[in-house]
Each structure stands twice: as C-alpha cells, then as structure tokens.
Amino acid sequence: MAARGRLALYDAQLGAEGVVWSRCWTGASGAVLPTAPTDAGHLVKQTTIKKRFEQFLRESSLKVTPQRRRIFDRVFSTHEHFSAERLYAWLREEEGPRVSRATVYRTLDVLVKGAFIESLDTGTGELMYEHVLGHHHHDHMVCLACGKIQEFRDERIEELQRLAAEKLGFRVVSHVHRLSGYCRTCGARNRSGSSPDPGA
C-alpha cells in the first residue's frame, strides 16, 4: 500500500562556484509518495544493508525479529523525512497492531546507532529521520511555521567548513547544519501581515 504524506519535489541548478541543489518535502496532504527505486542495483544495495542491519542487531545482543525486519523495510521504502509517530502510523495502516509503538522507537534508536539512518532535530521537539541509502551528505532548512524541510547542498559551504576545521587542526567526522526560519510561502504570508503560523 502506498504511503501518504508529504510530496517530494526535486530541483537542481548549477551555480558559478559549484553545484547547488535542493530537494523539498512539502506538507501536501494526501500526496502519494515515491517509493524506493526498484532497479536491480538498488535492490542489491538494500539487501546488503539489511544483512548488515541484522548483523548489527546480533552484535548488539538483540534479536532479529519479523517486526524489526518490517520496520527496516518500511524505512527504506520511502525517501521522505519521517517522525517515529508517522512511521508507526504507516505500519499500523499496513500491518495492523502487529508492530508496537515501543518497538518502532527502539528500532529507530538502533538504526541511528548503526548509522543506517540519520536523525534531524527540527527545533520543534520532534526528531525526523531519513535513511542513508543513495543519499549524499546534505544540509537542511526547516520552516518553523508549516514544518517544511528543504534539503540543500552547496560545495562552497562544504569547502569553508573544511578550511575552518583544517585551520584549527580539527578532524571532522560528521556535521549537522540546520537553518531554521520561514519558507517562501510562509514568509510571504508574514510580510503581508497575516500570521505564518497555520494554527493561528
């Protein structure tokens, strides 16, 4: 069954100083989400990562259960950001009560610890997640009004961060770069005098 939620929009442009791209998750209610590509190469990679996940569970003294396998499959079948509650709702819709909320939260923690997925603190008190399969490193812009998450990457920013770390003798393992503010639509509402807060 196709998941319903935010619609993925993709846009890319070549800047004078390097590639600048963005991908946006809108709040479009009822939009059918794209699922993971079904080409053979992608399926091989997903199968390999699933084996690594099961190995990681065993190394962490955790059982490889049908529920954990199902959660893994559902996470890697979508290319949008999702919260634990959204994931739980998808599984309830598709699987019924066979997967508990507690199992969803615990399995997400395991997936993060094993670097199979990444978590994003949106500043709203709710973590969002995305899997790493086929995703290059990118940064995020989060709208404080509608919750829209826009992914972007700018090589100029990456280079400046690299130079700053090099100057200080710092070895970067990973970094999180989040911009909080208002998207184009909510910002326009704010400038026109209406509240950007959809709940206002």
C-alpha atoms as a PDB file:
ATOM      1  CA  MET A   1       0.000   0.000   0.000  1.00  0.00           C
ATOM      2  CA  ALA A   2       1.438   3.398  -0.945  1.00  0.00           C
ATOM      3  CA  ALA A   3       2.221   5.657   1.981  1.00  0.00           C
ATOM      4  CA  ARG A   4       0.534   9.043   2.069  1.00  0.00           C
ATOM      5  CA  GLY A   5       2.113  12.233   3.317  1.00  0.00           C
ATOM      6  CA  ARG A   6       4.496  14.814   2.004  1.00  0.00           C
ATOM      7  CA  LEU A   7       5.224  15.053  -1.704  1.00  0.00           C
ATOM      8  CA  ALA A   8       8.872  15.086  -2.741  1.00  0.00           C
ATOM      9  CA  LEU A   9       9.866  17.846  -5.140  1.00  0.00           C
ATOM     10  CA  TYR A  10      13.341  17.998  -6.640  1.00  0.00           C
ATOM     11  CA  ASP A  11      15.201  20.933  -8.138  1.00  0.00           C
ATOM     12  CA  ALA A  12      18.845  21.347  -9.125  1.00  0.00           C
ATOM     13  CA  GLN A  13      20.838  24.209 -10.518  1.00  0.00           C
ATOM     14  CA  LEU A  14      24.497  24.760 -11.367  1.00  0.00           C
ATOM     15  CA  GLY A  15      25.941  27.817  -9.637  1.00  0.00           C
ATOM     16  CA  ALA A  16      29.037  29.704 -10.707  1.00  0.00           C
ATOM     17  CA  GLU A  17      31.014  28.365  -7.735  1.00  0.00           C
ATOM     18  CA  GLY A  18      29.752  24.784  -7.782  1.00  0.00           C
ATOM     19  CA  VAL A  19      26.708  22.585  -7.728  1.00  0.00           C
ATOM     20  CA  VAL A  20      23.832  23.869  -5.620  1.00  0.00           C
ATOM     21  CA  TRP A  21      20.872  21.545  -5.294  1.00  0.00           C
ATOM     22  CA  SER A  22      17.815  21.299  -3.173  1.00  0.00           C
ATOM     23  CA  ARG A  23      15.020  18.833  -2.505  1.00  0.00           C
ATOM     24  CA  CYS A  24      11.887  19.809  -0.672  1.00  0.00           C
ATOM     25  CA  TRP A  25       9.340  17.870   1.405  1.00  0.00           C
ATOM     26  CA  THR A  26       6.106  19.801   1.288  1.00  0.00           C
ATOM     27  CA  GLY A  27       3.128  19.464   3.566  1.00  0.00           C
ATOM     28  CA  ALA A  28       0.837  18.335   0.760  1.00  0.00           C
ATOM     29  CA  SER A  29      -1.847  16.247   2.442  1.00  0.00           C
ATOM     30  CA  GLY A  30      -2.768  13.003   0.716  1.00  0.00           C
ATOM     31  CA  ALA A  31       0.027  13.109  -1.846  1.00  0.00           C
ATOM     32  CA  VAL A  32       1.279   9.679  -2.889  1.00  0.00           C
ATOM     33  CA  LEU A  33       4.929   9.313  -2.016  1.00  0.00           C
ATOM     34  CA  PRO A  34       7.573   7.945  -4.355  1.00  0.00           C
ATOM     35  CA  THR A  35       8.904   4.627  -3.110  1.00  0.00           C
ATOM     36  CA  ALA A  36      12.457   3.428  -3.387  1.00  0.00           C
ATOM     37  CA  PRO A  37      13.666   2.673  -6.937  1.00  0.00           C
ATOM     38  CA  THR A  38      13.183  -0.935  -7.950  1.00  0.00           C
ATOM     39  CA  ASP A  39      16.213  -1.319 -10.239  1.00  0.00           C
ATOM     40  CA  ALA A  40      18.448  -4.304  -9.571  1.00  0.00           C
ATOM     41  CA  GLY A  41      21.364  -2.199  -8.298  1.00  0.00           C
ATOM     42  CA  HIS A  42      19.242  -0.523  -5.648  1.00  0.00           C
ATOM     43  CA  LEU A  43      17.742  -3.807  -4.508  1.00  0.00           C
ATOM     44  CA  VAL A  44      21.219  -5.340  -4.173  1.00  0.00           C
ATOM     45  CA  LYS A  45      22.356  -2.385  -2.039  1.00  0.00           C
ATOM     46  CA  GLN A  46      19.240  -2.547   0.136  1.00  0.00           C
ATOM     47  CA  THR A  47      19.672  -6.299   0.605  1.00  0.00           C
ATOM     48  CA  THR A  48      23.313  -5.748   1.604  1.00  0.00           C
ATOM     49  CA  ILE A  49      22.389  -3.047   4.120  1.00  0.00           C
ATOM     50  CA  LYS A  50      19.632  -5.259   5.527  1.00  0.00           C
ATOM     51  CA  LYS A  51      22.166  -8.030   6.135  1.00  0.00           C
ATOM     52  CA  ARG A  52      24.433  -5.514   7.878  1.00  0.00           C
ATOM     53  CA  PHE A  53      21.476  -4.380   9.986  1.00  0.00           C
ATOM     54  CA  GLU A  54      20.700  -7.943  11.056  1.00  0.00           C
ATOM     55  CA  GLN A  55      24.380  -8.486  11.869  1.00  0.00           C
ATOM     56  CA  PHE A  56      24.397  -5.255  13.889  1.00  0.00           C
ATOM     57  CA  LEU A  57      21.368  -6.476  15.857  1.00  0.00           C
ATOM     58  CA  ARG A  58      23.137  -9.726  16.740  1.00  0.00           C
ATOM     59  CA  GLU A  59      26.325  -7.883  17.713  1.00  0.00           C
ATOM     60  CA  SER A  60      24.178  -5.664  19.966  1.00  0.00           C
ATOM     61  CA  SER A  61      22.663  -8.783  21.581  1.00  0.00           C
ATOM     62  CA  LEU A  62      19.270  -8.012  20.041  1.00  0.00           C
ATOM     63  CA  LYS A  63      17.003 -10.495  18.306  1.00  0.00           C
ATOM     64  CA  VAL A  64      16.330 -10.351  14.578  1.00  0.00           C
ATOM     65  CA  THR A  65      12.533 -10.347  14.718  1.00  0.00           C
ATOM     66  CA  PRO A  66       9.916 -10.093  11.960  1.00  0.00           C
ATOM     67  CA  GLN A  67       8.815  -6.756  13.456  1.00  0.00           C
ATOM     68  CA  ARG A  68      12.323  -5.269  13.228  1.00  0.00           C
ATOM     69  CA  ARG A  69      12.692  -6.555   9.660  1.00  0.00           C
ATOM     70  CA  ARG A  70       9.353  -4.968   8.735  1.00  0.00           C
ATOM     71  CA  ILE A  71      10.341  -1.638  10.274  1.00  0.00           C
ATOM     72  CA  PHE A  72      13.617  -1.730   8.321  1.00  0.00           C
ATOM     73  CA  ASP A  73      11.779  -2.458   5.063  1.00  0.00           C
ATOM     74  CA  ARG A  74       9.282   0.369   5.656  1.00  0.00           C
ATOM     75  CA  VAL A  75      12.012   2.879   6.478  1.00  0.00           C
ATOM     76  CA  PHE A  76      13.947   2.054   3.314  1.00  0.00           C
ATOM     77  CA  SER A  77      10.847   2.114   1.090  1.00  0.00           C
ATOM     78  CA  THR A  78      10.422   5.874   1.415  1.00  0.00           C
ATOM     79  CA  HIS A  79      12.583   8.845   0.501  1.00  0.00           C
ATOM     80  CA  GLU A  80      10.968  11.434   2.750  1.00  0.00           C
ATOM     81  CA  HIS A  81      11.770  12.602   6.237  1.00  0.00           C
ATOM     82  CA  PHE A  82       9.527  10.973   8.818  1.00  0.00           C
ATOM     83  CA  SER A  83       8.936  11.041  12.544  1.00  0.00           C
ATOM     84  CA  ALA A  84       8.632   7.992  14.772  1.00  0.00           C
ATOM     85  CA  GLU A  85       4.904   8.614  15.077  1.00  0.00           C
ATOM     86  CA  ARG A  86       4.468   8.871  11.302  1.00  0.00           C
ATOM     87  CA  LEU A  87       6.354   5.614  10.836  1.00  0.00           C
ATOM     88  CA  TYR A  88       4.189   3.965  13.488  1.00  0.00           C
ATOM     89  CA  ALA A  89       1.046   5.236  11.725  1.00  0.00           C
ATOM     90  CA  TRP A  90       2.239   3.811   8.383  1.00  0.00           C
ATOM     91  CA  LEU A  91       2.899   0.433   9.971  1.00  0.00           C
ATOM     92  CA  ARG A  92      -0.455   0.415  11.790  1.00  0.00           C
ATOM     93  CA  GLU A  93      -2.194   1.140   8.484  1.00  0.00           C
ATOM     94  CA  GLU A  94      -0.298  -1.578   6.634  1.00  0.00           C
ATOM     95  CA  GLU A  95       0.310  -4.203   9.319  1.00  0.00           C
ATOM     96  CA  GLY A  96      -2.342  -3.620  11.950  1.00  0.00           C
ATOM     97  CA  PRO A  97      -1.343  -3.948  15.624  1.00  0.00           C
ATOM     98  CA  ARG A  98       1.489  -6.441  14.990  1.00  0.00           C
ATOM     99  CA  VAL A  99       4.200  -3.768  15.459  1.00  0.00           C
ATOM    100  CA  SER A 100       4.115  -1.851  18.728  1.00  0.00           C
ATOM    101  CA  ARG A 101       4.966   1.817  19.200  1.00  0.00           C
ATOM    102  CA  ALA A 102       7.743   0.871  21.664  1.00  0.00           C
ATOM    103  CA  THR A 103       9.328  -1.455  19.089  1.00  0.00           C
ATOM    104  CA  VAL A 104       9.263   1.339  16.493  1.00  0.00           C
ATOM    105  CA  TYR A 105      11.063   3.771  18.819  1.00  0.00           C
ATOM    106  CA  ARG A 106      13.624   1.198  19.958  1.00  0.00           C
ATOM    107  CA  THR A 107      14.348   0.068  16.396  1.00  0.00           C
ATOM    108  CA  LEU A 108      14.823   3.651  15.219  1.00  0.00           C
ATOM    109  CA  ASP A 109      17.371   4.131  18.007  1.00  0.00           C
ATOM    110  CA  VAL A 110      19.217   1.024  16.816  1.00  0.00           C
ATOM    111  CA  LEU A 111      19.136   2.220  13.192  1.00  0.00           C
ATOM    112  CA  VAL A 112      20.619   5.573  14.221  1.00  0.00           C
ATOM    113  CA  LYS A 113      23.331   3.987  16.363  1.00  0.00           C
ATOM    114  CA  GLY A 114      24.276   1.705  13.482  1.00  0.00           C
ATOM    115  CA  ALA A 115      24.407   4.678  11.053  1.00  0.00           C
ATOM    116  CA  PHE A 116      21.697   3.145   8.845  1.00  0.00           C
ATOM    117  CA  ILE A 117      19.555   6.260   9.222  1.00  0.00           C
ATOM    118  CA  GLU A 118      20.144   9.834  10.335  1.00  0.00           C
ATOM    119  CA  SER A 119      18.069  11.906  12.722  1.00  0.00           C
ATOM    120  CA  LEU A 120      17.311  15.606  12.362  1.00  0.00           C
ATOM    121  CA  ASP A 121      16.398  17.855  15.273  1.00  0.00           C
ATOM    122  CA  THR A 122      13.941  20.282  13.674  1.00  0.00           C
ATOM    123  CA  GLY A 123      13.853  22.526  16.729  1.00  0.00           C
ATOM    124  CA  THR A 124      10.193  21.694  17.335  1.00  0.00           C
ATOM    125  CA  GLY A 125      10.811  18.942  19.870  1.00  0.00           C
ATOM    126  CA  GLU A 126      10.232  16.175  17.324  1.00  0.00           C
ATOM    127  CA  LEU A 127      13.040  14.247  15.660  1.00  0.00           C
ATOM    128  CA  MET A 128      12.775  13.485  11.959  1.00  0.00           C
ATOM    129  CA  TYR A 129      14.581  10.599  10.291  1.00  0.00           C
ATOM    130  CA  GLU A 130      15.830   9.638   6.840  1.00  0.00           C
ATOM    131  CA  HIS A 131      17.732   6.631   5.567  1.00  0.00           C
ATOM    132  CA  VAL A 132      21.195   6.910   4.033  1.00  0.00           C
ATOM    133  CA  LEU A 133      20.834   4.582   1.022  1.00  0.00           C
ATOM    134  CA  GLY A 134      21.604   6.577  -2.120  1.00  0.00           C
ATOM    135  CA  HIS A 135      21.692   9.865  -0.178  1.00  0.00           C
ATOM    136  CA  HIS A 136      24.792  12.044  -0.295  1.00  0.00           C
ATOM    137  CA  HIS A 137      25.549  14.353   2.609  1.00  0.00           C
ATOM    138  CA  HIS A 138      23.282  17.404   2.653  1.00  0.00           C
ATOM    139  CA  ASP A 139      22.054  20.137   4.968  1.00  0.00           C
ATOM    140  CA  HIS A 140      18.536  21.225   5.905  1.00  0.00           C
ATOM    141  CA  MET A 141      16.293  24.269   6.044  1.00  0.00           C
ATOM    142  CA  VAL A 142      13.284  23.845   8.360  1.00  0.00           C
ATOM    143  CA  CYS A 143      10.213  26.099   8.227  1.00  0.00           C
ATOM    144  CA  LEU A 144       9.064  26.977  11.737  1.00  0.00           C
ATOM    145  CA  ALA A 145       5.500  27.589  10.551  1.00  0.00           C
ATOM    146  CA  CYS A 146       4.499  24.708   8.266  1.00  0.00           C
ATOM    147  CA  GLY A 147       7.274  22.228   9.088  1.00  0.00           C
ATOM    148  CA  LYS A 148       8.517  22.003   5.504  1.00  0.00           C
ATOM    149  CA  ILE A 149      12.015  20.512   5.285  1.00  0.00           C
ATOM    150  CA  GLN A 150      14.206  21.518   2.379  1.00  0.00           C
ATOM    151  CA  GLU A 151      17.445  19.664   1.725  1.00  0.00           C
ATOM    152  CA  PHE A 152      20.309  21.509   0.080  1.00  0.00           C
ATOM    153  CA  ARG A 153      23.993  21.171  -0.628  1.00  0.00           C
ATOM    154  CA  ASP A 154      26.407  23.916  -1.598  1.00  0.00           C
ATOM    155  CA  GLU A 155      30.028  22.996  -2.228  1.00  0.00           C
ATOM    156  CA  ARG A 156      31.119  26.498  -1.191  1.00  0.00           C
ATOM    157  CA  ILE A 157      29.745  25.932   2.327  1.00  0.00           C
ATOM    158  CA  GLU A 158      31.354  22.493   2.491  1.00  0.00           C
ATOM    159  CA  GLU A 159      34.728  23.942   1.476  1.00  0.00           C
ATOM    160  CA  LEU A 160      34.536  26.780   4.030  1.00  0.00           C
ATOM    161  CA  GLN A 161      33.779  24.253   6.780  1.00  0.00           C
ATOM    162  CA  ARG A 162      36.696  22.098   5.655  1.00  0.00           C
ATOM    163  CA  LEU A 163      39.077  25.073   5.671  1.00  0.00           C
ATOM    164  CA  ALA A 164      37.886  26.243   9.114  1.00  0.00           C
ATOM    165  CA  ALA A 165      38.468  22.768  10.571  1.00  0.00           C
ATOM    166  CA  GLU A 166      41.868  22.489   8.863  1.00  0.00           C
ATOM    167  CA  LYS A 167      42.949  25.854  10.273  1.00  0.00           C
ATOM    168  CA  LEU A 168      42.101  24.724  13.813  1.00  0.00           C
ATOM    169  CA  GLY A 169      43.610  21.287  13.359  1.00  0.00           C
ATOM    170  CA  PHE A 170      40.195  19.693  13.812  1.00  0.00           C
ATOM    171  CA  ARG A 171      39.346  16.350  12.184  1.00  0.00           C
ATOM    172  CA  VAL A 172      35.681  16.393  11.183  1.00  0.00           C
ATOM    173  CA  VAL A 173      33.871  13.069  11.404  1.00  0.00           C
ATOM    174  CA  SER A 174      30.378  14.400  10.704  1.00  0.00           C
ATOM    175  CA  HIS A 175      28.424  17.610  10.942  1.00  0.00           C
ATOM    176  CA  VAL A 176      24.825  18.811  11.094  1.00  0.00           C
ATOM    177  CA  HIS A 177      23.882  22.112   9.525  1.00  0.00           C
ATOM    178  CA  ARG A 178      20.277  23.256  10.040  1.00  0.00           C
ATOM    179  CA  LEU A 179      18.762  26.589   9.093  1.00  0.00           C
ATOM    180  CA  SER A 180      15.525  27.490  10.885  1.00  0.00           C
ATOM    181  CA  GLY A 181      13.186  30.156   9.534  1.00  0.00           C
ATOM    182  CA  TYR A 182      10.242  30.568   7.183  1.00  0.00           C
ATOM    183  CA  CYS A 183       9.781  29.086   3.725  1.00  0.00           C
ATOM    184  CA  ARG A 184       8.844  31.245   0.735  1.00  0.00           C
ATOM    185  CA  THR A 185       5.097  30.716   1.230  1.00  0.00           C
ATOM    186  CA  CYS A 186       5.012  31.303   4.991  1.00  0.00           C
ATOM    187  CA  GLY A 187       7.436  34.212   4.705  1.00  0.00           C
ATOM    188  CA  ALA A 188       5.165  35.886   2.159  1.00  0.00           C
ATOM    189  CA  ARG A 189       2.176  35.455   4.492  1.00  0.00           C
ATOM    190  CA  ASN A 190       4.180  37.030   7.295  1.00  0.00           C
ATOM    191  CA  ARG A 191       5.185  40.025   5.165  1.00  0.00           C
ATOM    192  CA  SER A 192       1.574  40.549   4.093  1.00  0.00           C
ATOM    193  CA  GLY A 193       0.558  40.910   7.735  1.00  0.00           C
ATOM    194  CA  SER A 194      -1.042  37.505   8.262  1.00  0.00           C
ATOM    195  CA  SER A 195       0.436  35.041  10.716  1.00  0.00           C
ATOM    196  CA  PRO A 196       2.801  32.398   9.263  1.00  0.00           C
ATOM    197  CA  ASP A 197       1.607  30.020  11.967  1.00  0.00           C
ATOM    198  CA  PRO A 198      -1.005  27.689  10.387  1.00  0.00           C
ATOM    199  CA  GLY A 199      -2.530  27.177  13.813  1.00  0.00           C
ATOM    200  CA  ALA A 200      -3.018  30.874  14.438  1.00  0.00           C
END
